[in-house]
Protein backbone atom coordinates (compact mmCIF):
# COMPACT_ATOMS: atom_id res chain seq x y z
CA UNK A 1 10.89 150.77 195.13
CA UNK A 2 14.26 149.63 192.78
CA UNK A 3 14.39 151.11 189.42
CA UNK A 4 12.94 149.66 186.06
CA UNK A 5 15.63 148.75 183.32
CA UNK A 6 14.74 149.89 180.14
CA UNK A 7 14.74 146.43 178.58
CA UNK A 8 12.62 144.95 181.40
CA UNK A 9 9.54 147.70 181.70
CA UNK A 10 6.09 147.46 182.83
CA UNK A 11 4.97 148.17 179.08
CA UNK A 12 7.33 145.09 177.58
CA UNK A 13 7.13 143.49 175.77
CA UNK A 14 3.34 143.58 175.08
CA UNK A 15 0.90 146.86 176.30
CA UNK A 16 -2.63 148.11 175.19
CA UNK A 17 -3.53 144.93 173.89
CA UNK A 18 -1.07 144.98 170.86
CA UNK A 19 1.66 142.25 170.62
CA UNK A 20 5.46 143.13 170.94
CA UNK A 21 7.77 142.33 167.95
CA UNK A 22 11.87 141.79 169.09
CA UNK A 23 14.22 142.41 166.44
CA UNK A 24 16.96 139.66 167.96
CA UNK A 25 20.48 139.66 166.64
CA UNK A 26 21.90 135.95 167.20
CA UNK A 27 25.32 136.64 165.82
CA UNK A 28 27.70 135.17 163.86
CA UNK A 29 27.41 131.41 164.37
CA UNK A 30 28.72 130.80 167.95
CA UNK A 31 25.94 130.26 170.29
CA UNK A 32 28.19 132.13 172.94
CA UNK A 33 27.71 135.11 171.45
CA UNK A 34 23.46 135.88 172.00
CA UNK A 35 23.67 138.78 174.66
CA UNK A 36 21.46 138.16 178.20
CA UNK A 37 18.33 140.47 177.04
CA UNK A 38 18.78 138.12 173.32
CA UNK A 39 18.39 135.26 175.51
CA UNK A 40 15.48 136.98 177.92
CA UNK A 41 13.32 137.98 175.52
CA UNK A 42 14.23 134.34 174.01
CA UNK A 43 12.42 132.73 177.11
CA UNK A 44 9.21 135.21 176.61
CA UNK A 45 8.53 134.76 173.12
CA UNK A 46 5.30 132.81 171.89
CA UNK A 47 6.50 133.08 168.55
CA UNK A 48 9.89 132.44 167.12
CA UNK A 49 10.73 134.26 163.07
CA UNK A 50 14.42 132.96 162.88
CA UNK A 51 17.19 133.34 159.94
CA UNK A 52 17.46 129.60 158.78
CA UNK A 53 21.57 129.89 160.10
CA UNK A 54 20.26 130.83 163.29
CA UNK A 55 17.56 128.67 163.95
CA UNK A 56 19.37 126.15 166.32
CA UNK A 57 21.27 128.95 167.95
CA UNK A 58 18.66 130.71 169.46
CA UNK A 59 15.96 127.71 169.74
CA UNK A 60 17.72 126.26 172.75
CA UNK A 61 16.90 129.46 174.45
CA UNK A 62 13.03 129.21 173.77
CA UNK A 63 10.45 128.05 175.91
CA UNK A 64 9.09 124.31 175.14
CA UNK A 65 6.22 124.68 172.81
CA UNK A 66 7.59 127.78 171.16
CA UNK A 67 5.58 128.61 167.58
CA UNK A 68 8.35 128.44 164.79
CA UNK A 69 7.26 128.76 161.10
CA UNK A 70 9.45 128.03 158.96
CA UNK A 71 11.47 130.78 156.91
CA UNK A 72 11.18 129.78 152.53
CA UNK A 73 13.09 131.48 150.36
CA UNK A 74 12.17 133.33 146.92
CA UNK A 75 13.85 131.21 144.19
CA UNK A 76 16.81 129.40 143.22
CA UNK A 77 19.23 132.17 141.63
CA UNK A 78 19.37 133.93 145.73
CA UNK A 79 20.23 130.64 146.46
CA UNK A 80 23.01 130.74 144.20
CA UNK A 81 24.27 133.87 144.41
CA UNK A 82 24.31 133.57 148.18
CA UNK A 83 21.75 135.83 148.82
CA UNK A 84 18.37 134.06 150.00
CA UNK A 85 15.62 136.58 150.11
CA UNK A 86 13.27 135.13 152.96
CA UNK A 87 9.76 135.48 150.76
CA UNK A 88 7.69 136.15 153.88
CA UNK A 89 9.43 137.51 157.29
CA UNK A 90 7.48 140.51 157.17
CA UNK A 91 3.93 138.86 156.94
CA UNK A 92 4.65 136.69 159.55
CA UNK A 93 6.48 139.11 161.88
CA UNK A 94 2.72 141.44 161.31
CA UNK A 95 0.49 138.15 161.51
CA UNK A 96 1.76 136.92 165.24
CA UNK A 97 1.79 140.26 166.38
CA UNK A 98 -1.36 141.21 165.32
CA UNK A 99 -2.74 139.06 167.34
CA UNK A 100 -1.26 140.10 170.39
CA UNK A 101 2.06 137.78 170.43
CA UNK A 102 4.74 138.15 171.17
CA UNK A 103 7.16 137.83 168.39
CA UNK A 104 11.24 137.24 168.41
CA UNK A 105 13.13 138.31 164.94
CA UNK A 106 15.54 136.40 165.06
CA UNK A 107 18.35 137.44 162.27
CA UNK A 108 22.83 136.82 161.62
CA UNK A 109 24.89 138.89 162.84
CA UNK A 110 23.52 142.49 164.13
CA UNK A 111 19.48 143.99 163.04
CA UNK A 112 20.72 147.19 162.28
CA UNK A 113 23.71 146.34 160.09
CA UNK A 114 23.50 142.66 158.76
CA UNK A 115 20.52 141.66 156.38
CA UNK A 116 17.18 144.28 155.96
CA UNK A 117 15.28 144.07 159.70
CA UNK A 118 14.59 147.66 158.79
CA UNK A 119 12.09 147.24 156.44
CA UNK A 120 10.67 145.46 159.32
CA UNK A 121 10.60 147.45 161.61
CA UNK A 122 9.13 150.16 159.65
CA UNK A 123 6.19 148.36 158.78
CA UNK A 124 5.50 147.47 162.88
CA UNK A 125 5.54 151.37 163.34
CA UNK A 126 3.16 152.13 160.73
CA UNK A 127 0.64 149.78 162.43
CA UNK A 128 1.17 150.65 165.68
CA UNK A 129 3.05 147.51 167.18
CA UNK A 130 5.85 148.21 169.61
CA UNK A 131 8.41 146.83 169.17
CA UNK A 132 12.13 146.90 170.28
CA UNK A 133 15.80 146.12 168.92
CA UNK A 134 18.40 143.68 170.95
CA UNK A 135 21.68 144.83 169.24
CA UNK A 136 24.03 141.22 168.15
CA UNK A 137 27.68 141.04 166.97
CA UNK A 138 27.67 141.80 163.80
CA UNK A 139 29.29 139.69 161.16
CA UNK A 140 31.85 141.55 159.74
CA UNK A 141 32.85 142.72 163.29
CA UNK A 142 33.21 139.26 164.87
CA UNK A 143 34.33 136.55 162.22
CA UNK A 144 37.52 139.22 161.63
CA UNK A 145 37.65 138.85 166.01
CA UNK A 146 37.58 135.32 165.59
CA UNK A 147 40.14 134.99 163.06
CA UNK A 148 42.74 136.81 164.79
CA UNK A 149 42.21 139.83 162.63
CA UNK A 150 42.27 143.15 165.10
CA UNK A 151 40.65 145.28 162.78
CA UNK A 152 42.58 148.88 164.85
CA UNK A 153 45.44 148.98 166.32
CA UNK A 154 47.08 151.77 168.54
CA UNK A 155 47.09 154.19 165.33
CA UNK A 156 43.95 154.05 164.59
CA UNK A 157 43.17 153.20 161.64
CA UNK A 158 40.09 153.87 159.21
CA UNK A 159 38.09 150.93 158.87
CA UNK A 160 35.44 150.64 155.55
CA UNK A 161 32.79 148.03 155.85
CA UNK A 162 32.11 146.58 152.22
CA UNK A 163 29.30 144.65 151.07
CA UNK A 164 30.52 143.21 147.36
CA UNK A 165 27.24 142.73 146.35
CA UNK A 166 25.27 145.93 146.57
CA UNK A 167 28.57 147.63 146.25
CA UNK A 168 28.91 150.28 142.95
CA UNK A 169 31.81 151.63 141.34
CA UNK A 170 31.59 154.34 143.44
CA UNK A 171 32.23 152.48 146.61
CA UNK A 172 35.15 150.86 145.31
CA UNK A 173 36.63 154.17 143.75
CA UNK A 174 36.61 155.52 147.82
CA UNK A 175 38.37 152.59 149.25
CA UNK A 176 40.30 151.65 147.56
CA UNK A 177 41.61 155.65 147.23
CA UNK A 178 41.66 154.64 151.25
CA UNK A 179 44.56 153.31 153.49
CA UNK A 180 42.50 151.98 156.05
CA UNK A 181 40.87 148.24 157.18
CA UNK A 182 38.33 147.24 154.70
CA UNK A 183 35.88 144.78 155.70
CA UNK A 184 34.42 143.47 153.12
CA UNK A 185 31.31 140.66 152.69
CA UNK A 186 31.17 138.94 149.65
CA UNK A 187 31.04 135.06 148.52
CA UNK A 188 34.06 132.50 148.26
CA UNK A 189 33.67 132.38 144.44
CA UNK A 190 33.96 136.01 144.50
CA UNK A 191 36.35 136.97 146.81
CA UNK A 192 39.01 136.59 143.80
CA UNK A 193 36.83 139.50 141.91
CA UNK A 194 36.51 141.95 144.87
CA UNK A 195 40.32 141.92 145.57
CA UNK A 196 40.55 142.62 141.94
CA UNK A 197 37.94 145.85 142.06
CA UNK A 198 40.66 147.11 145.14
CA UNK A 199 43.67 146.53 143.14
CA UNK A 200 42.21 148.83 139.86
CA UNK A 201 40.54 151.16 142.06
CA UNK A 202 44.47 152.02 143.51
CA UNK A 203 44.72 149.55 146.43
CA UNK A 204 48.86 147.83 145.68
CA UNK A 205 48.61 143.52 145.04
CA UNK A 206 50.38 142.77 147.57
CA UNK A 207 48.16 144.15 150.22
CA UNK A 208 47.60 141.13 153.14
CA UNK A 209 44.20 140.11 152.90
CA UNK A 210 42.35 137.62 154.87
CA UNK A 211 39.71 135.70 154.11
CA UNK A 212 36.86 133.71 156.88
CA UNK A 213 34.62 131.21 155.56
CA UNK A 214 31.94 130.02 158.94
CA UNK A 215 33.87 132.12 160.34
CA UNK A 216 33.14 131.85 164.79
CA UNK A 217 32.50 128.01 164.57
CA UNK A 218 33.90 125.56 165.00
CA UNK A 219 33.98 124.70 160.32
CA UNK A 220 35.92 128.17 160.59
CA UNK A 221 38.84 128.42 158.06
CA UNK A 222 40.92 131.26 157.60
CA UNK A 223 43.43 131.85 154.23
CA UNK A 224 46.04 134.41 154.20
CA UNK A 225 46.82 136.23 150.85
CA UNK A 226 47.40 139.55 149.26
CA UNK A 227 44.93 140.79 147.40
CA UNK A 228 46.99 139.61 144.48
CA UNK A 229 47.71 136.06 145.20
CA UNK A 230 44.26 135.46 146.71
CA UNK A 231 43.42 133.84 143.24
CA UNK A 232 46.22 131.71 142.97
CA UNK A 233 46.00 130.81 146.63
CA UNK A 234 42.76 129.67 145.90
CA UNK A 235 43.81 127.30 143.21
CA UNK A 236 46.68 125.97 144.60
CA UNK A 237 44.80 125.00 147.61
CA UNK A 238 41.78 123.86 145.32
CA UNK A 239 39.85 125.66 147.76
CA UNK A 240 38.27 126.44 144.19
CA UNK A 241 35.90 125.57 142.05
CA UNK A 242 33.45 124.45 144.48
CA UNK A 243 30.39 123.60 144.57
CA UNK A 244 30.21 125.85 148.35
CA UNK A 245 31.55 128.77 145.99
CA UNK A 246 28.59 130.90 147.20
CA UNK A 247 29.04 130.56 150.71
CA UNK A 248 29.17 133.29 152.72
CA UNK A 249 33.01 134.94 153.38
CA UNK A 250 34.92 138.10 155.22
CA UNK A 251 37.96 139.62 153.95
CA UNK A 252 39.64 141.90 155.71
CA UNK A 253 42.25 143.91 153.27
CA UNK A 254 45.01 146.11 155.18
CA UNK A 255 48.22 145.73 157.31
CA UNK A 256 45.78 144.58 160.16
CA UNK A 257 45.34 140.72 158.78
CA UNK A 258 49.05 140.09 157.91
CA UNK A 259 49.51 136.88 157.86
CA UNK A 260 52.89 137.23 160.85
CA UNK A 261 50.19 139.00 163.25
CA UNK A 262 47.22 136.20 162.81
CA UNK A 263 49.84 133.39 163.36
CA UNK A 264 50.80 135.43 166.49
CA UNK A 265 46.64 135.79 167.57
CA UNK A 266 44.60 133.35 165.89
CA UNK A 267 42.64 132.53 169.64
CA UNK A 268 40.72 130.59 167.97
CA UNK A 269 41.44 127.69 165.11
CA UNK A 270 44.07 127.36 167.06
CA UNK A 271 42.39 125.78 169.68
CA UNK A 272 43.66 122.46 170.94
CA UNK A 273 40.76 120.40 168.83
CA UNK A 274 39.35 123.23 166.83
CA UNK A 275 36.98 121.65 164.75
CA UNK A 276 37.53 117.86 165.94
CA UNK A 277 34.42 115.70 166.09
CA UNK A 278 34.83 113.27 169.13
CA UNK A 279 32.17 111.11 169.92
CA UNK A 280 31.03 110.93 173.38
CA UNK A 281 29.53 107.35 174.17
CA UNK A 282 27.25 108.80 176.64
CA UNK A 283 23.45 110.24 176.80
CA UNK A 284 23.09 113.64 176.64
CA UNK A 285 22.42 113.84 179.93
CA UNK A 286 25.45 112.34 181.50
CA UNK A 287 27.61 114.15 178.81
CA UNK A 288 26.25 117.15 179.13
CA UNK A 289 29.24 118.68 181.70
CA UNK A 290 32.27 116.23 179.66
CA UNK A 291 31.20 118.59 175.97
CA UNK A 292 30.63 121.67 177.77
CA UNK A 293 34.43 121.05 178.52
CA UNK A 294 35.26 118.99 174.79
CA UNK A 295 33.65 122.54 173.35
CA UNK A 296 35.85 124.36 175.08
CA UNK A 297 38.80 123.31 173.21
CA UNK A 298 37.29 123.81 169.84
CA UNK A 299 35.70 120.17 169.28
CA UNK A 300 32.42 119.03 168.17
CA UNK A 301 30.90 116.45 170.56
CA UNK A 302 27.86 113.95 169.55
CA UNK A 303 26.37 111.74 172.29
CA UNK A 304 26.27 108.28 170.93
CA UNK A 305 24.07 106.45 174.13
CA UNK A 306 25.76 102.92 173.96
CA UNK A 307 23.19 101.84 176.93
CA UNK A 308 19.71 101.91 178.10
CA UNK A 309 18.32 102.03 181.68
CA UNK A 310 15.23 100.06 182.33
CA UNK A 311 13.41 99.16 185.78
CA UNK A 312 14.41 95.85 187.79
CA UNK A 313 12.62 92.61 186.59
CA UNK A 314 11.00 91.97 190.15
CA UNK A 315 10.59 95.95 191.67
CA UNK A 316 8.99 94.55 195.10
CA UNK A 317 12.34 94.74 196.83
CA UNK A 318 12.52 98.52 195.26
CA UNK A 319 9.08 98.79 196.67
CA UNK A 320 9.96 97.79 200.42
CA UNK A 321 13.25 100.01 200.04
CA UNK A 322 11.20 102.98 199.34
CA UNK A 323 8.21 101.92 201.85
CA UNK A 324 11.62 102.06 204.88
CA UNK A 325 13.04 105.18 203.65
CA UNK A 326 9.37 106.93 204.86
CA UNK A 327 8.86 104.54 208.08
CA UNK A 328 12.59 104.87 209.30
CA UNK A 329 14.27 102.23 208.16
CA UNK A 330 17.00 103.90 207.18
CA UNK A 331 19.92 106.35 208.55
CA UNK A 332 21.32 107.36 204.86
CA UNK A 333 20.73 106.90 201.22
CA UNK A 334 23.66 107.00 199.18
CA UNK A 335 23.53 107.35 195.20
CA UNK A 336 26.10 106.04 192.85
CA UNK A 337 24.45 107.62 189.96
CA UNK A 338 21.91 109.93 188.06
CA UNK A 339 20.09 107.15 187.24
CA UNK A 340 19.33 106.12 191.03
CA UNK A 341 18.69 109.41 191.45
CA UNK A 342 15.80 109.09 188.57
CA UNK A 343 15.14 105.79 189.83
CA UNK A 344 14.17 106.60 193.23
CA UNK A 345 12.41 110.15 191.96
CA UNK A 346 9.76 107.99 189.78
CA UNK A 347 9.15 105.90 192.39
CA UNK A 348 8.21 108.70 194.60
CA UNK A 349 6.30 110.00 192.57
CA UNK A 350 4.36 107.05 191.60
CA UNK A 351 3.36 106.74 195.74
CA UNK A 352 2.86 110.32 195.99
CA UNK A 353 5.59 111.03 197.76
CA UNK A 354 8.27 114.10 197.40
CA UNK A 355 11.73 115.32 198.65
CA UNK A 356 10.20 115.98 202.09
CA UNK A 357 10.22 112.13 202.14
CA UNK A 358 14.02 112.52 202.98
CA UNK A 359 13.23 114.61 206.33
CA UNK A 360 15.76 112.71 208.92
CA UNK A 361 17.68 110.98 206.57
CA UNK A 362 21.40 111.75 205.14
CA UNK A 363 22.17 111.78 201.57
CA UNK A 364 25.04 110.46 199.59
CA UNK A 365 26.23 111.13 195.92
CA UNK A 366 28.96 109.64 194.44
CA UNK A 367 30.00 112.98 192.41
CA UNK A 368 28.85 116.09 190.81
CA UNK A 369 26.45 115.38 188.64
CA UNK A 370 24.54 113.06 191.15
CA UNK A 371 24.18 116.06 193.64
CA UNK A 372 23.01 118.23 190.62
CA UNK A 373 20.87 115.88 189.90
CA UNK A 374 19.86 114.92 193.35
CA UNK A 375 19.43 119.27 193.78
CA UNK A 376 16.96 119.52 190.93
CA UNK A 377 14.61 116.71 192.87
CA UNK A 378 14.56 119.32 195.86
CA UNK A 379 17.36 116.75 197.89
CA UNK A 380 21.05 118.93 199.34
CA UNK A 381 23.17 115.67 199.76
CA UNK A 382 25.19 115.81 203.10
CA UNK A 383 27.88 113.70 201.79
CA UNK A 384 29.75 113.87 198.60
CA UNK A 385 33.60 112.72 197.88
CA UNK A 386 36.30 115.06 198.43
CA UNK A 387 38.21 114.46 196.77
CA UNK A 388 38.01 111.36 193.81
CA UNK A 389 34.50 111.14 192.41
CA UNK A 390 34.01 107.84 193.12
CA UNK A 391 32.64 104.27 194.89
CA UNK A 392 36.66 104.76 196.40
CA UNK A 393 36.48 108.61 196.83
CA UNK A 394 32.95 108.32 198.27
CA UNK A 395 34.73 105.22 201.24
CA UNK A 396 36.81 107.72 201.41
CA UNK A 397 34.58 110.36 203.50
CA UNK A 398 32.17 107.65 204.89
CA UNK A 399 32.10 107.86 208.63
CA UNK A 400 32.04 104.31 210.66
CA UNK A 401 29.15 103.19 212.34
CA UNK A 402 28.74 105.06 215.57
CA UNK A 403 26.06 103.21 217.83
CA UNK A 404 26.20 106.22 220.37
CA UNK A 405 25.44 109.04 216.90
CA UNK A 406 23.84 107.24 215.02
CA UNK A 407 20.30 105.64 216.08
CA UNK A 408 19.96 103.51 212.97
CA UNK A 409 22.68 101.48 211.52
CA UNK A 410 20.86 101.06 207.58
CA UNK A 411 21.67 102.22 204.72
CA UNK A 412 20.04 102.18 201.24
CA UNK A 413 22.23 101.50 198.80
CA UNK A 414 19.86 101.97 194.76
CA UNK A 415 21.62 101.26 191.61
CA UNK A 416 22.33 99.18 188.72
CA UNK A 417 22.11 95.18 188.19
CA UNK A 418 25.40 95.16 187.23
CA UNK A 419 27.23 97.76 189.45
CA UNK A 420 29.84 96.53 191.43
CA UNK A 421 30.62 95.05 194.93
CA UNK A 422 33.11 97.49 196.00
CA UNK A 423 30.68 100.42 198.05
CA UNK A 424 28.93 97.27 199.76
CA UNK A 425 31.62 96.02 200.65
CA UNK A 426 33.52 98.91 202.20
CA UNK A 427 30.51 100.15 203.88
CA UNK A 428 29.65 97.00 205.56
CA UNK A 429 33.97 97.13 206.75
CA UNK A 430 33.12 100.54 208.42
CA UNK A 431 30.21 98.78 210.42
CA UNK A 432 27.38 99.50 208.77
CA UNK A 433 24.29 97.14 207.39
CA UNK A 434 23.82 97.83 203.59
CA UNK A 435 20.39 97.11 201.69
CA UNK A 436 21.85 96.92 198.33
CA UNK A 437 18.90 97.26 196.19
CA UNK A 438 18.44 96.90 192.05
CA UNK A 439 16.96 100.77 191.25
CA UNK A 440 17.71 99.95 187.56
CA UNK A 441 18.85 97.74 184.82
CA UNK A 442 21.53 98.12 182.08
CA UNK A 443 20.76 97.21 178.75
CA UNK A 444 23.00 97.82 175.36
CA UNK A 445 21.19 100.54 173.85
CA UNK A 446 19.18 100.42 170.46
CA UNK A 447 21.80 101.03 167.23
CA UNK A 448 22.30 104.97 166.35
CA UNK A 449 21.32 105.82 163.33
CA UNK A 450 23.22 104.49 159.76
CA UNK A 451 25.15 107.65 159.84
CA UNK A 452 26.29 107.94 162.69
CA UNK A 453 27.36 103.93 162.21
CA UNK A 454 29.32 104.79 158.57
CA UNK A 455 31.08 107.90 160.33
CA UNK A 456 32.21 105.44 162.90
CA UNK A 457 33.60 102.42 160.87
CA UNK A 458 34.40 105.00 157.79
CA UNK A 459 36.32 107.15 159.45
CA UNK A 460 34.09 110.10 160.27
CA UNK A 461 34.90 110.90 163.55
CA UNK A 462 38.30 112.22 164.59
CA UNK A 463 38.39 110.72 168.46
CA UNK A 464 36.21 108.81 170.92
CA UNK A 465 36.21 108.91 174.33
CA UNK A 466 35.40 105.63 176.37
CA UNK A 467 35.09 105.78 180.28
CA UNK A 468 34.80 102.17 180.83
CA UNK A 469 35.08 98.80 179.52
CA UNK A 470 31.08 98.34 178.15
CA UNK A 471 31.04 101.23 176.68
CA UNK A 472 33.95 99.73 174.64
CA UNK A 473 32.27 96.44 174.47
CA UNK A 474 28.60 98.26 173.49
CA UNK A 475 30.28 100.33 171.44
CA UNK A 476 31.19 97.87 168.76
CA UNK A 477 28.64 95.71 169.39
CA UNK A 478 25.66 98.37 167.98
CA UNK A 479 27.63 100.06 165.73
CA UNK A 480 30.98 98.21 165.19
CA UNK A 481 34.50 99.53 165.01
CA UNK A 482 35.64 103.02 165.34
CA UNK A 483 38.10 103.31 162.47
CA UNK A 484 41.95 103.08 162.19
CA UNK A 485 42.64 107.07 161.63
CA UNK A 486 40.33 107.75 164.37
CA UNK A 487 41.87 108.43 167.85
CA UNK A 488 40.66 105.92 170.69
CA UNK A 489 40.98 108.07 173.95
CA UNK A 490 40.37 105.45 177.13
CA UNK A 491 39.65 106.42 180.94
CA UNK A 492 41.72 104.11 182.52
CA UNK A 493 44.12 100.75 182.20
CA UNK A 494 41.10 98.41 182.15
CA UNK A 495 39.39 99.98 180.17
CA UNK A 496 42.27 100.10 177.71
CA UNK A 497 43.22 97.07 177.82
CA UNK A 498 39.07 96.06 176.47
CA UNK A 499 39.60 98.65 174.09
CA UNK A 500 43.08 96.40 172.87
CA UNK A 501 41.05 93.43 173.37
CA UNK A 502 39.12 94.87 170.53
CA UNK A 503 41.49 95.56 167.83
CA UNK A 504 41.63 99.37 168.61
CA UNK A 505 44.66 100.92 169.46
CA UNK A 506 45.16 102.86 171.81
CA UNK A 507 46.78 106.59 171.82
CA UNK A 508 45.35 108.52 174.67
CA UNK A 509 45.03 107.58 178.90
CA UNK A 510 43.79 109.61 181.38
CA UNK A 511 45.72 110.21 184.23
CA UNK A 512 42.97 109.75 186.30
CA UNK A 513 39.88 107.96 186.64
CA UNK A 514 37.72 110.89 185.75
CA UNK A 515 36.08 111.98 182.19
CA UNK A 516 37.04 115.40 182.91
CA UNK A 517 40.96 114.41 182.91
CA UNK A 518 40.66 111.81 180.29
CA UNK A 519 39.52 115.23 178.06
CA UNK A 520 42.34 116.88 178.50
CA UNK A 521 44.16 114.39 178.22
CA UNK A 522 42.91 114.45 174.60
CA UNK A 523 43.38 118.41 174.83
CA UNK A 524 47.05 118.12 175.63
CA UNK A 525 47.31 115.08 172.79
CA UNK A 526 45.77 117.54 170.20
CA UNK A 527 47.74 120.79 170.84
CA UNK A 528 50.58 118.31 171.12
CA UNK A 529 49.40 116.89 166.89
CA UNK A 530 49.43 120.89 166.07
CA UNK A 531 52.91 121.98 167.51
CA UNK A 532 54.41 118.85 165.48
CA UNK A 533 52.56 119.69 162.19
CA UNK A 534 53.91 123.13 162.58
CA UNK A 535 57.22 122.74 163.73
CA UNK A 536 57.29 120.28 160.68
CA UNK A 537 56.01 123.23 158.01
CA UNK A 538 53.11 120.41 157.34
CA UNK A 539 49.73 121.96 157.11
CA UNK A 540 47.21 120.96 160.83
CA UNK A 541 44.36 118.81 159.85
CA UNK A 542 42.35 116.61 161.81
CA UNK A 543 43.36 112.71 162.50
CA UNK A 544 39.98 112.04 159.69
CA UNK A 545 41.74 113.86 157.52
CA UNK A 546 45.10 111.83 157.71
CA UNK A 547 46.10 109.27 155.06
CA UNK A 548 44.59 106.14 156.95
CA UNK A 549 47.89 103.70 157.05
CA UNK A 550 49.60 106.82 159.06
CA UNK A 551 51.51 105.77 162.60
CA UNK A 552 50.83 107.24 165.53
CA UNK A 553 52.34 106.71 169.20
CA UNK A 554 50.89 106.16 172.47
CA UNK A 555 50.62 108.96 174.88
CA UNK A 556 50.25 108.65 178.36
């Protein structure tokens, strides 16, 4: 019998009829900082009680239908002070646990260092409700790491953590007398006051200081200064006064935050597309891997479907082809899109069929995403292009018809009503008979929400990726023409020509007809743009922050 992990004990998450509570650290804001144990606990939760700041971080890992009671703030004064007090967290946790439910209580950062989870743990202990603690990346540790500010070096400097909102005079005196690194949790408009407390307690005014807001998210921003100059830096940069002055920040005081060192170690904010809002004119399902790639470059992808999928006007042809699959009419079936897989799958379900109906039939997929949709259906493709993921790439690997080895010479090709004839012509040339069947129709999607349309036309997006001529036509048709400051990236010459015909200036052209190569090309553009700004001594800005009349060069 294999040993049991403490976190997967048979007694967890509930025993003896009681509920169970998991106090879970969700980290400072980056969803990628959740631990494996956190994801496991979220998947098993009946009730998810999360601080508003991390609800979206954790909700995606909870099962469908999980209860998420909303936490409310006690009063406006606590909000203005940047310390919102959650009114009924303990009551909600205890009520759900008493009812025998598995509760996950998610907090920002780490349960033991951030927030006040300790009081809720004591309440569980007092009533005999079992609980566990899943540590998270503490805000005071994670934010400096993302800002490129090491807290210790080979000399092993002392590190002190201070919450400026609760620190008393004795605390300031102790950290002021130290020459170690001080990590201060405070608010944007209270940084200068905290710096003043440290100087008054003995720290030199020229001690380096970094201040980071929205740490570990794509809204992160870091300022370099000293204890004596931070107020002036904020004033000159028009950072303050601001309605957002109450927002929490992490300030690091000491030699580890020296600007010269941060310039070399700022790995997160120096990503090529850091903070860029990138419009992806595809559905979430189509754009999944592309959006993940954009996030790896620091971008914030925003998917807007430009086409909608509808059943064919005359379904009889599709019905005959699906019946032909079952009766052995075909040697091959070729899927050229995820939508084609979905259309066949829906027709199978309508007839009470499943993946077993593909027995004895060879299956081809035009690319990795289509292959993944087939695997999800329970079908492993026999043929996926080894090179370019396109109809041409599929034909490169498709075997010619051989009457000796192929008992049947017919291919079932379910696809869109507007698909090109490349694959059909190529298969016929290889000796195959093709049943080219309209499995679905593509129509222009409904317009996106008003705020998205306004952002497109008003320059709220930094870039847009066009993956076909139809995405250009449809996006302009349903949402309007992207603003002049928006970087236009196109997958190939034909798409670029369509964009130019619509009055758009193309900035980035993919070197290959691949969505992932297109994203790479946009990242290269962003990298060069950043390097040019730094070389000129200018601040690094996003395209949406530029003057509307600025000239841009096309890159290929």
